[in-house]
């Protein structure tokens, strides 16, 4: 900004800068913030109108001509009673009329609730929300430049950090507690650590249906009653109900049924890997994922019409040279954005994955991989962007420091999603007249500038924008050091108390809480 050099230094520092600092320090109403949960995307459409129609035709053909195999007996009863056809080959197929009927009555505009209502999320149209997810088995230790096994305490710590990150809107379990071997204890304690650490919406998985009863008992007590839980379920089930290609996963389907019966929203998750368990072509991978998820919608709506479901089209990319997953690739961004576009075509609330860096550490590679895939997901209008913060090594490693860094990345992405407002006020012809026709010749002190600096612009929390001189004066801070300091500050001083000591003691007396 060349015009800065024409303004006396003392005036610039003591006047406009101090005014801007004072304004930034003042709290801003959530609906006035430059970025927030639920901004509407949809500007980026990787598929042409003809491509969308072609994929739609293929989805109906897949469901009617190929169908899915290995459904549990209970699922077969639900689906065939609704109109699905069980073939002699054991595959259940879905006539077009059944698919259309399901799409006409399934839940839309669904709410995912938080324990605190300020974190409620409306999944509708192209409203965008970013959050965590995954089942990493390692924690990234940035200081030692190594990986270690993930533990229950790490899940709780991640939840506490996410609770403090404005641009991470929900917390889905990102790691597996490797220190708990009993699967029933694992399921219960994963939910406990998550809801104890954050009041944002929580997503969790379950190993088997028989382990879910104590979890619901616990959730009823935290909610105040079963009725209150069913009115505002603040935990959803991330459910891999299919094993691609086009096969039901029996145990997960039974978990799904139990979740539906207990009023828990379900993420219907299809996670094929292009070139391995899904077609290598991006178009084919999208079509298969959509077909599998719509089959899941038919299953759930045959049980309970209108039950809240998130359509989890999660096709992943393979590096076809090695067969290894490549979560940070440009193709992954395109896959995710194409899924978002198709979900909007069907007007279905949905989610997919982005931000899964192949990089093992929060470095430059991580930055460009996360930034490119996350902004594509946001601009496409994806309702729920999973894996959006903290993930490395293509889902194998989770980094607490990266949650802090990625919060800044997501702020930038959300600002892109918000776009540019063009109206008489933002064009500001009168402001230009004020400045240029007898005014000071710059906009630094103008009321419009002061007003818009918080509502139009976003400022990173830990990223550095200082000049080289200021950077030296500050001791040459770097991004990782800043992230580590912020992480340690949260973990040492932030202890959520939304679950009272009395209730927590009661839960610990009833359940085997290991945290």
Protein backbone atom coordinates (compact mmCIF):
# COMPACT_ATOMS: atom_id res chain seq x y z
CA UNK A 1 0.00 0.00 0.00
CA UNK A 2 2.15 2.85 -1.33
CA UNK A 3 -0.06 5.59 0.11
CA UNK A 4 1.08 4.61 3.63
CA UNK A 5 4.45 6.19 2.94
CA UNK A 6 2.85 9.62 2.50
CA UNK A 7 1.33 9.58 5.97
CA UNK A 8 3.45 10.69 8.92
CA UNK A 9 4.61 7.66 10.87
CA UNK A 10 3.65 9.04 14.27
CA UNK A 11 0.12 9.83 13.14
CA UNK A 12 -0.33 6.43 11.55
CA UNK A 13 0.81 4.52 14.62
CA UNK A 14 -0.89 6.59 17.32
CA UNK A 15 -4.15 7.25 15.48
CA UNK A 16 -5.52 4.79 12.96
CA UNK A 17 -3.58 1.77 14.21
CA UNK A 18 -4.66 2.26 17.83
CA UNK A 19 -8.26 2.77 16.74
CA UNK A 20 -8.12 -0.44 14.75
CA UNK A 21 -6.57 -2.32 17.66
CA UNK A 22 -9.26 -1.07 20.02
CA UNK A 23 -12.00 -2.07 17.60
CA UNK A 24 -10.55 -5.54 17.08
CA UNK A 25 -10.40 -6.06 20.84
CA UNK A 26 -14.13 -5.44 21.15
CA UNK A 27 -16.31 -8.59 20.97
CA UNK A 28 -18.36 -9.01 17.81
CA UNK A 29 -21.78 -10.64 17.64
CA UNK A 30 -21.61 -14.10 16.08
CA UNK A 31 -23.84 -13.14 13.16
CA UNK A 32 -21.59 -10.18 12.31
CA UNK A 33 -18.31 -12.09 12.23
CA UNK A 34 -16.62 -12.26 8.83
CA UNK A 35 -16.72 -16.07 8.96
CA UNK A 36 -18.94 -18.47 10.87
CA UNK A 37 -20.56 -21.88 10.66
CA UNK A 38 -23.12 -22.34 7.92
CA UNK A 39 -21.87 -19.88 5.30
CA UNK A 40 -23.29 -20.81 1.90
CA UNK A 41 -20.93 -22.18 -0.73
CA UNK A 42 -21.70 -23.70 -4.10
CA UNK A 43 -19.62 -21.36 -6.25
CA UNK A 44 -17.33 -24.18 -7.40
CA UNK A 45 -18.98 -26.81 -9.59
CA UNK A 46 -16.50 -29.30 -11.07
CA UNK A 47 -19.26 -31.13 -12.97
CA UNK A 48 -21.11 -29.76 -15.98
CA UNK A 49 -24.91 -30.01 -16.10
CA UNK A 50 -24.60 -32.90 -18.58
CA UNK A 51 -22.14 -34.69 -16.28
CA UNK A 52 -24.52 -34.38 -13.35
CA UNK A 53 -27.31 -35.93 -15.40
CA UNK A 54 -25.06 -38.76 -16.58
CA UNK A 55 -24.00 -39.61 -13.02
CA UNK A 56 -27.65 -39.50 -11.92
CA UNK A 57 -28.64 -41.98 -14.65
CA UNK A 58 -25.76 -44.27 -13.66
CA UNK A 59 -26.73 -44.20 -9.97
CA UNK A 60 -30.22 -45.48 -10.79
CA UNK A 61 -28.71 -48.18 -13.02
CA UNK A 62 -26.28 -49.31 -10.31
CA UNK A 63 -29.04 -49.59 -7.73
CA UNK A 64 -31.49 -51.39 -10.04
CA UNK A 65 -29.12 -53.62 -12.02
CA UNK A 66 -26.25 -54.39 -9.61
CA UNK A 67 -27.60 -53.71 -6.14
CA UNK A 68 -25.78 -54.57 -2.92
CA UNK A 69 -24.90 -57.88 -1.32
CA UNK A 70 -24.51 -59.24 2.22
CA UNK A 71 -27.31 -57.33 3.96
CA UNK A 72 -28.18 -58.66 7.43
CA UNK A 73 -31.48 -60.51 7.77
CA UNK A 74 -33.09 -57.60 9.60
CA UNK A 75 -32.02 -55.18 6.88
CA UNK A 76 -33.35 -57.45 4.16
CA UNK A 77 -36.74 -57.49 5.85
CA UNK A 78 -36.88 -53.71 6.15
CA UNK A 79 -35.77 -53.12 2.56
CA UNK A 80 -37.83 -55.82 0.83
CA UNK A 81 -40.93 -54.76 2.78
CA UNK A 82 -40.35 -51.28 1.36
CA UNK A 83 -40.08 -52.61 -2.22
CA UNK A 84 -36.49 -53.75 -2.71
CA UNK A 85 -36.00 -57.02 -4.61
CA UNK A 86 -33.83 -59.86 -3.28
CA UNK A 87 -32.30 -61.80 -6.17
CA UNK A 88 -31.31 -65.46 -6.37
CA UNK A 89 -27.70 -64.29 -6.24
CA UNK A 90 -28.26 -62.81 -2.77
CA UNK A 91 -28.05 -59.22 -3.97
CA UNK A 92 -30.78 -56.76 -3.02
CA UNK A 93 -31.75 -54.40 -5.82
CA UNK A 94 -33.71 -51.18 -5.72
CA UNK A 95 -36.31 -50.34 -8.38
CA UNK A 96 -36.39 -46.76 -9.57
CA UNK A 97 -39.78 -46.15 -7.93
CA UNK A 98 -38.37 -47.13 -4.51
CA UNK A 99 -35.35 -44.86 -4.93
CA UNK A 100 -37.55 -41.94 -5.96
CA UNK A 101 -39.94 -42.57 -3.08
CA UNK A 102 -37.07 -42.57 -0.59
CA UNK A 103 -35.56 -39.41 -2.03
CA UNK A 104 -38.94 -37.71 -1.77
CA UNK A 105 -39.46 -38.44 1.93
CA UNK A 106 -35.99 -38.61 3.52
CA UNK A 107 -34.99 -35.92 6.01
CA UNK A 108 -33.69 -32.61 4.74
CA UNK A 109 -32.70 -29.41 6.55
CA UNK A 110 -31.58 -31.44 9.54
CA UNK A 111 -30.09 -30.06 12.73
CA UNK A 112 -27.02 -31.45 14.42
CA UNK A 113 -27.18 -30.26 17.99
CA UNK A 114 -24.44 -29.29 20.40
CA UNK A 115 -24.64 -29.55 24.17
CA UNK A 116 -24.57 -25.76 23.92
CA UNK A 117 -27.17 -24.50 21.46
CA UNK A 118 -24.81 -21.85 20.10
CA UNK A 119 -23.01 -24.73 18.35
CA UNK A 120 -26.13 -26.15 16.64
CA UNK A 121 -25.55 -26.81 12.93
CA UNK A 122 -28.22 -26.64 10.22
CA UNK A 123 -27.46 -28.97 7.31
CA UNK A 124 -29.29 -27.42 4.42
CA UNK A 125 -28.56 -26.51 0.81
CA UNK A 126 -24.94 -25.44 0.46
CA UNK A 127 -24.31 -24.40 4.07
CA UNK A 128 -20.71 -25.29 5.00
CA UNK A 129 -19.31 -26.63 8.28
CA UNK A 130 -15.76 -27.82 8.97
CA UNK A 131 -14.77 -30.38 11.61
CA UNK A 132 -12.57 -33.28 12.60
CA UNK A 133 -12.98 -37.00 11.99
CA UNK A 134 -10.97 -40.15 11.48
CA UNK A 135 -9.51 -43.14 13.22
CA UNK A 136 -5.82 -42.27 13.40
CA UNK A 137 -3.76 -44.72 15.42
CA UNK A 138 -0.88 -42.33 16.03
CA UNK A 139 -0.32 -38.87 17.47
CA UNK A 140 2.16 -36.59 15.70
CA UNK A 141 4.82 -35.37 18.13
CA UNK A 142 6.10 -32.23 16.44
CA UNK A 143 8.88 -31.51 18.94
CA UNK A 144 10.40 -34.99 18.63
CA UNK A 145 9.61 -35.29 14.91
CA UNK A 146 8.09 -38.71 15.47
CA UNK A 147 4.82 -40.62 15.85
CA UNK A 148 3.50 -42.39 18.95
CA UNK A 149 0.35 -44.39 19.67
CA UNK A 150 -2.84 -42.41 20.36
CA UNK A 151 -4.54 -42.69 23.75
CA UNK A 152 -7.87 -41.81 25.33
CA UNK A 153 -6.38 -38.68 26.91
CA UNK A 154 -5.43 -37.48 23.43
CA UNK A 155 -9.07 -37.64 22.34
CA UNK A 156 -10.07 -35.56 25.35
CA UNK A 157 -7.26 -33.07 24.69
CA UNK A 158 -8.26 -32.77 21.03
CA UNK A 159 -11.87 -32.11 22.07
CA UNK A 160 -10.76 -29.39 24.48
CA UNK A 161 -8.73 -27.67 21.78
CA UNK A 162 -11.55 -27.89 19.23
CA UNK A 163 -13.91 -26.36 21.78
CA UNK A 164 -11.71 -23.23 21.65
CA UNK A 165 -11.36 -23.08 17.85
CA UNK A 166 -13.98 -20.85 16.20
CA UNK A 167 -13.48 -22.24 12.70
CA UNK A 168 -13.77 -25.93 13.68
CA UNK A 169 -17.50 -26.39 14.02
CA UNK A 170 -17.91 -29.99 15.17
CA UNK A 171 -15.84 -32.72 16.78
CA UNK A 172 -15.92 -36.20 15.35
CA UNK A 173 -13.60 -38.64 17.05
CA UNK A 174 -10.27 -38.28 15.20
CA UNK A 175 -8.23 -41.01 16.91
CA UNK A 176 -8.51 -44.49 18.33
CA UNK A 177 -7.68 -44.94 22.02
CA UNK A 178 -4.99 -47.58 21.67
CA UNK A 179 -4.66 -47.88 25.46
CA UNK A 180 -8.14 -49.47 25.76
CA UNK A 181 -8.29 -53.04 24.51
CA UNK A 182 -11.85 -53.96 25.52
CA UNK A 183 -14.09 -52.78 22.64
CA UNK A 184 -17.09 -52.10 24.89
CA UNK A 185 -14.97 -49.92 27.16
CA UNK A 186 -13.45 -48.28 24.10
CA UNK A 187 -16.83 -47.23 22.69
CA UNK A 188 -18.13 -45.88 26.00
CA UNK A 189 -14.96 -43.98 26.89
CA UNK A 190 -14.53 -42.49 23.42
CA UNK A 191 -17.98 -40.92 23.70
CA UNK A 192 -17.32 -39.81 27.28
CA UNK A 193 -13.98 -38.17 26.46
CA UNK A 194 -15.53 -36.37 23.49
CA UNK A 195 -18.62 -34.98 25.23
CA UNK A 196 -16.56 -34.10 28.30
CA UNK A 197 -14.11 -32.08 26.23
CA UNK A 198 -16.45 -30.03 24.02
CA UNK A 199 -20.00 -28.70 23.85
CA UNK A 200 -19.93 -28.86 20.04
CA UNK A 201 -21.67 -31.66 18.16
CA UNK A 202 -19.82 -34.95 18.53
CA UNK A 203 -19.53 -37.86 16.11
CA UNK A 204 -18.50 -41.33 17.29
CA UNK A 205 -18.33 -44.90 16.02
CA UNK A 206 -19.33 -48.13 17.73
CA UNK A 207 -17.79 -51.57 17.41
CA UNK A 208 -20.93 -53.65 17.91
CA UNK A 209 -24.59 -52.94 18.63
CA UNK A 210 -24.52 -54.77 21.96
CA UNK A 211 -22.05 -52.20 23.35
CA UNK A 212 -24.35 -49.22 22.75
CA UNK A 213 -26.89 -49.55 25.61
CA UNK A 214 -24.65 -48.09 28.35
CA UNK A 215 -23.64 -45.26 26.02
CA UNK A 216 -27.27 -44.25 25.54
CA UNK A 217 -27.86 -44.56 29.29
CA UNK A 218 -24.96 -42.14 29.83
CA UNK A 219 -26.23 -39.73 27.15
CA UNK A 220 -29.70 -39.72 28.69
CA UNK A 221 -28.22 -38.72 32.04
CA UNK A 222 -26.07 -35.97 30.53
CA UNK A 223 -29.13 -34.69 28.63
CA UNK A 224 -31.35 -34.84 31.70
CA UNK A 225 -33.65 -37.60 30.44
CA UNK A 226 -34.25 -39.84 27.44
CA UNK A 227 -36.92 -37.45 26.24
CA UNK A 228 -34.49 -34.52 26.31
CA UNK A 229 -31.86 -36.60 24.52
CA UNK A 230 -34.29 -37.49 21.72
CA UNK A 231 -35.27 -33.83 21.39
CA UNK A 232 -31.65 -32.68 21.03
CA UNK A 233 -29.29 -35.59 20.25
CA UNK A 234 -25.81 -34.03 20.42
CA UNK A 235 -23.92 -37.17 19.35
CA UNK A 236 -24.21 -38.83 15.93
CA UNK A 237 -23.08 -42.24 14.75
CA UNK A 238 -20.44 -42.35 12.03
CA UNK A 239 -21.39 -45.62 10.40
CA UNK A 240 -19.46 -47.54 7.72
CA UNK A 241 -22.55 -49.52 6.79
CA UNK A 242 -21.02 -50.62 3.48
CA UNK A 243 -17.78 -52.32 2.54
CA UNK A 244 -17.18 -51.07 -0.99
CA UNK A 245 -17.72 -52.13 -3.66
CA UNK A 246 -21.48 -52.46 -3.14
CA UNK A 247 -21.60 -54.73 -0.10
CA UNK A 248 -23.33 -54.15 3.22
CA UNK A 249 -21.25 -54.47 6.41
CA UNK A 250 -23.34 -56.67 8.71
CA UNK A 251 -22.03 -55.56 12.12
CA UNK A 252 -22.13 -51.87 11.19
CA UNK A 253 -25.67 -52.22 9.82
CA UNK A 254 -26.79 -53.61 13.17
CA UNK A 255 -25.11 -50.65 14.90
CA UNK A 256 -26.95 -48.37 12.50
CA UNK A 257 -30.28 -49.96 13.35
CA UNK A 258 -29.62 -49.49 17.06
CA UNK A 259 -28.71 -45.84 16.51
CA UNK A 260 -31.95 -45.24 14.60
CA UNK A 261 -34.02 -46.90 17.30
CA UNK A 262 -32.41 -44.65 19.92
CA UNK A 263 -32.90 -41.39 18.07
CA UNK A 264 -29.25 -40.86 17.14
CA UNK A 265 -28.47 -39.16 13.80
CA UNK A 266 -26.49 -41.37 11.43
CA UNK A 267 -23.65 -40.53 9.06
CA UNK A 268 -24.06 -43.09 6.26
CA UNK A 269 -20.44 -43.54 5.34
CA UNK A 270 -19.20 -44.98 2.03
CA UNK A 271 -15.41 -44.89 1.96
CA UNK A 272 -14.27 -46.59 -1.20
CA UNK A 273 -10.71 -46.08 -2.44
CA UNK A 274 -10.45 -45.18 -6.12
CA UNK A 275 -8.59 -47.85 -8.02
CA UNK A 276 -9.02 -50.41 -5.23
CA UNK A 277 -12.52 -50.63 -3.75
CA UNK A 278 -14.01 -47.99 -6.07
CA UNK A 279 -13.51 -47.31 -9.78
CA UNK A 280 -10.26 -45.56 -10.63
CA UNK A 281 -12.15 -42.91 -12.59
CA UNK A 282 -13.32 -39.94 -10.54
CA UNK A 283 -16.78 -40.05 -12.15
CA UNK A 284 -17.17 -43.77 -11.42
CA UNK A 285 -16.02 -43.38 -7.82
CA UNK A 286 -18.60 -40.63 -7.28
CA UNK A 287 -21.39 -42.70 -8.86
CA UNK A 288 -20.59 -45.77 -6.75
CA UNK A 289 -20.40 -43.76 -3.51
CA UNK A 290 -23.73 -42.09 -4.22
CA UNK A 291 -25.35 -45.45 -4.99
CA UNK A 292 -24.11 -46.97 -1.75
CA UNK A 293 -25.26 -44.02 0.35
CA UNK A 294 -28.70 -43.92 -1.29
CA UNK A 295 -29.03 -47.64 -0.53
CA UNK A 296 -28.32 -46.72 3.09
CA UNK A 297 -31.01 -44.04 2.94
CA UNK A 298 -33.49 -46.63 1.69
CA UNK A 299 -32.49 -48.96 4.55
CA UNK A 300 -32.88 -46.30 7.26
CA UNK A 301 -36.09 -44.78 5.89
CA UNK A 302 -37.61 -48.25 5.62
CA UNK A 303 -37.02 -48.47 9.37
CA UNK A 304 -38.02 -44.92 10.28
CA UNK A 305 -39.14 -42.49 7.62
CA UNK A 306 -37.44 -39.12 7.98
CA UNK A 307 -34.74 -40.22 10.43
CA UNK A 308 -31.86 -37.68 10.29
CA UNK A 309 -29.13 -39.03 8.02
CA UNK A 310 -25.98 -37.39 6.69
CA UNK A 311 -25.05 -38.77 3.28
CA UNK A 312 -21.38 -39.56 3.70
CA UNK A 313 -19.95 -39.90 0.22
CA UNK A 314 -16.29 -40.36 1.14
CA UNK A 315 -14.46 -41.83 -1.87
CA UNK A 316 -10.71 -41.62 -1.32
CA UNK A 317 -7.88 -41.35 -3.82
CA UNK A 318 -5.15 -43.91 -4.39
CA UNK A 319 -1.67 -43.20 -5.64
CA UNK A 320 -1.97 -45.75 -8.43
CA UNK A 321 1.81 -46.24 -8.53
CA UNK A 322 1.75 -47.82 -5.08
CA UNK A 323 -1.91 -48.34 -4.16
CA UNK A 324 -1.46 -46.17 -1.08
CA UNK A 325 -4.08 -43.63 -0.14
CA UNK A 326 -3.39 -40.02 -1.13
CA UNK A 327 -5.57 -37.76 1.00
CA UNK A 328 -3.79 -34.54 0.09
CA UNK A 329 -4.01 -34.83 -3.68
CA UNK A 330 -5.78 -32.49 -6.06
CA UNK A 331 -7.88 -35.43 -7.22
CA UNK A 332 -9.16 -35.83 -3.65
CA UNK A 333 -10.33 -32.23 -3.69
CA UNK A 334 -12.13 -32.81 -6.99
CA UNK A 335 -13.76 -36.02 -5.73
CA UNK A 336 -15.03 -34.30 -2.62
CA UNK A 337 -16.32 -31.27 -4.54
CA UNK A 338 -18.06 -33.49 -7.11
CA UNK A 339 -19.78 -35.42 -4.33
CA UNK A 340 -20.96 -32.12 -2.84
CA UNK A 341 -22.36 -31.01 -6.19
CA UNK A 342 -24.26 -34.27 -6.63
CA UNK A 343 -25.64 -34.16 -3.08
CA UNK A 344 -27.00 -30.69 -3.80
CA UNK A 345 -28.52 -32.04 -7.02
CA UNK A 346 -30.48 -34.52 -4.89
CA UNK A 347 -31.00 -31.88 -2.16
CA UNK A 348 -29.51 -34.23 0.42
CA UNK A 349 -27.64 -33.19 3.58
CA UNK A 350 -24.19 -34.62 3.19
CA UNK A 351 -20.54 -34.71 4.06
CA UNK A 352 -17.22 -35.82 2.66
CA UNK A 353 -13.56 -35.65 3.57
CA UNK A 354 -10.94 -32.98 2.84
CA UNK A 355 -7.79 -31.76 4.54
CA UNK A 356 -6.17 -35.19 5.00
CA UNK A 357 -2.57 -34.24 4.34
CA UNK A 358 -0.22 -36.92 3.06
CA UNK A 359 2.53 -34.97 4.80
CA UNK A 360 3.65 -36.50 8.09
CA UNK A 361 4.24 -33.16 9.82
CA UNK A 362 2.64 -29.69 9.78
CA UNK A 363 5.01 -28.36 7.13
CA UNK A 364 4.77 -26.61 3.75
CA UNK A 365 3.48 -29.78 2.07
CA UNK A 366 0.77 -30.07 4.70
CA UNK A 367 -0.19 -26.44 4.14
CA UNK A 368 -0.71 -26.67 0.40
CA UNK A 369 -2.43 -30.06 0.60
CA UNK A 370 -4.85 -28.95 3.28
CA UNK A 371 -5.47 -25.50 1.83
CA UNK A 372 -6.23 -26.68 -1.70
CA UNK A 373 -8.57 -29.53 -0.77
CA UNK A 374 -10.34 -27.63 2.02
CA UNK A 375 -11.11 -24.57 -0.04
CA UNK A 376 -12.48 -26.74 -2.86
CA UNK A 377 -14.74 -28.53 -0.39
CA UNK A 378 -15.97 -25.27 1.05
CA UNK A 379 -16.52 -23.54 -2.27
CA UNK A 380 -18.47 -26.57 -3.49
CA UNK A 381 -20.98 -26.04 -0.66
CA UNK A 382 -20.38 -29.31 1.18
CA UNK A 383 -22.47 -29.35 4.36
CA UNK A 384 -20.01 -31.27 6.53
CA UNK A 385 -16.31 -31.22 5.69
CA UNK A 386 -14.82 -34.05 7.73
CA UNK A 387 -11.09 -34.61 8.47
CA UNK A 388 -10.69 -30.84 8.03
CA UNK A 389 -8.30 -30.26 10.93
CA UNK A 390 -5.39 -32.04 12.54
CA UNK A 391 -4.99 -35.01 10.21
CA UNK A 392 -1.73 -36.18 8.64
CA UNK A 393 -0.24 -39.20 6.87
CA UNK A 394 -3.48 -39.88 4.99
CA UNK A 395 -5.48 -40.58 8.18
CA UNK A 396 -2.75 -42.42 10.11
CA UNK A 397 -1.49 -39.56 12.30
CA UNK A 398 -3.30 -36.82 14.22
CA UNK A 399 -1.58 -33.66 15.40
CA UNK A 400 -2.88 -31.47 18.23
CA UNK A 401 -0.63 -28.60 17.13
CA UNK A 402 -2.18 -28.78 13.66
CA UNK A 403 -5.62 -28.14 15.12
CA UNK A 404 -4.37 -24.65 15.99
CA UNK A 405 -2.77 -24.08 12.58
CA UNK A 406 -5.70 -25.53 10.66
CA UNK A 407 -8.11 -23.25 12.49
CA UNK A 408 -6.35 -20.37 10.71
CA UNK A 409 -6.44 -22.27 7.41
CA UNK A 410 -10.17 -22.86 7.80
CA UNK A 411 -10.74 -19.20 8.54
CA UNK A 412 -9.18 -18.34 5.18
CA UNK A 413 -11.27 -21.03 3.46
CA UNK A 414 -14.47 -19.78 5.05
CA UNK A 415 -13.70 -16.24 3.93
CA UNK A 416 -13.45 -17.58 0.37
CA UNK A 417 -16.77 -19.39 0.84
CA UNK A 418 -18.45 -16.21 2.00
CA UNK A 419 -17.47 -14.44 -1.20
CA UNK A 420 -17.91 -10.77 -2.02
CA UNK A 421 -20.98 -8.73 -1.14
CA UNK A 422 -21.75 -6.15 -3.83
CA UNK A 423 -24.27 -3.44 -3.00
CA UNK A 424 -24.50 0.34 -2.77
CA UNK A 425 -22.87 0.36 0.65
CA UNK A 426 -19.91 -1.88 -0.23
CA UNK A 427 -19.28 -0.11 -3.55
CA UNK A 428 -19.10 3.09 -1.52
CA UNK A 429 -19.24 5.83 -4.14
CA UNK A 430 -19.88 8.45 -1.47
CA UNK A 431 -16.89 7.17 0.51
CA UNK A 432 -14.69 7.65 -2.55
CA UNK A 433 -16.00 11.19 -2.92
CA UNK A 434 -15.28 11.91 0.74
CA UNK A 435 -11.69 10.70 0.42
CA UNK A 436 -10.76 11.95 -3.03
CA UNK A 437 -12.58 15.27 -3.32
CA UNK A 438 -11.03 17.44 -0.66
CA UNK A 439 -10.46 14.61 1.80
CA UNK A 440 -7.21 13.14 3.16
CA UNK A 441 -6.48 11.08 0.03
CA UNK A 442 -6.51 7.78 1.89
CA UNK A 443 -9.10 5.51 3.53
CA UNK A 444 -7.24 4.57 6.71
CA UNK A 445 -9.25 6.66 9.11
CA UNK A 446 -12.59 6.60 7.34
CA UNK A 447 -15.61 5.32 9.25
CA UNK A 448 -16.24 2.71 6.57
CA UNK A 449 -12.75 1.28 6.99
CA UNK A 450 -13.11 1.08 10.76
CA UNK A 451 -16.55 -0.52 10.41
CA UNK A 452 -15.56 -3.09 7.80
CA UNK A 453 -12.25 -4.16 9.28
CA UNK A 454 -13.96 -6.69 11.54
CA UNK A 455 -16.98 -7.66 9.49
CA UNK A 456 -15.34 -7.85 6.04
CA UNK A 457 -11.87 -9.11 6.94
CA UNK A 458 -10.59 -12.10 8.88
CA UNK A 459 -7.35 -12.08 10.86
CA UNK A 460 -5.30 -15.18 11.63
CA UNK A 461 -4.85 -16.17 15.25
CA UNK A 462 -1.29 -17.46 15.10
CA UNK A 463 -0.04 -16.88 11.56
CA UNK A 464 2.50 -14.07 11.23
CA UNK A 465 1.88 -10.90 9.23
CA UNK A 466 4.56 -8.70 10.79
CA UNK A 467 7.27 -6.93 8.83
CA UNK A 468 10.77 -8.48 8.86
CA UNK A 469 11.87 -5.79 11.35
CA UNK A 470 8.92 -6.42 13.67
CA UNK A 471 9.46 -10.17 13.30
CA UNK A 472 13.05 -9.80 14.50
CA UNK A 473 11.94 -7.61 17.41
CA UNK A 474 9.44 -10.28 18.42
CA UNK A 475 12.18 -12.92 18.59
CA UNK A 476 11.61 -14.41 15.14
CA UNK A 477 8.55 -16.50 16.00
CA UNK A 478 7.54 -19.34 13.68
CA UNK A 479 4.20 -20.97 13.06
CA UNK A 480 4.92 -24.24 14.86
CA UNK A 481 6.22 -22.45 17.95
CA UNK A 482 3.11 -20.28 18.03
CA UNK A 483 0.85 -23.32 17.63
CA UNK A 484 2.64 -25.24 20.35
CA UNK A 485 2.36 -22.33 22.80
CA UNK A 486 -1.35 -21.94 22.10
CA UNK A 487 -1.90 -25.69 22.47
CA UNK A 488 -0.09 -25.78 25.81
CA UNK A 489 -2.01 -22.75 27.03
CA UNK A 490 -5.34 -24.46 26.29
CA UNK A 491 -4.37 -27.82 27.74
CA UNK A 492 -2.99 -26.31 30.92
CA UNK A 493 -5.74 -23.80 31.61
CA UNK A 494 -8.94 -24.82 29.82
CA UNK A 495 -10.97 -27.45 31.67
CA UNK A 496 -14.58 -27.53 30.45
CA UNK A 497 -17.15 -27.75 33.25
CA UNK A 498 -20.39 -28.12 31.29
CA UNK A 499 -20.72 -31.57 32.86
CA UNK A 500 -20.97 -30.78 36.56
CA UNK A 501 -18.74 -32.45 39.15
CA UNK A 502 -21.81 -34.05 40.69
CA UNK A 503 -22.98 -35.57 37.42
CA UNK A 504 -19.46 -36.60 36.51
CA UNK A 505 -19.08 -38.40 39.84
CA UNK A 506 -22.40 -40.15 39.25
CA UNK A 507 -21.31 -41.27 35.78
CA UNK A 508 -18.03 -42.57 37.14
CA UNK A 509 -19.84 -44.56 39.80
CA UNK A 510 -22.08 -46.23 37.19
CA UNK A 511 -19.77 -46.74 34.22
CA UNK A 512 -16.19 -47.82 33.75
CA UNK A 513 -14.78 -44.39 32.93
CA UNK A 514 -11.05 -44.65 32.23
CA UNK A 515 -10.13 -41.03 31.50
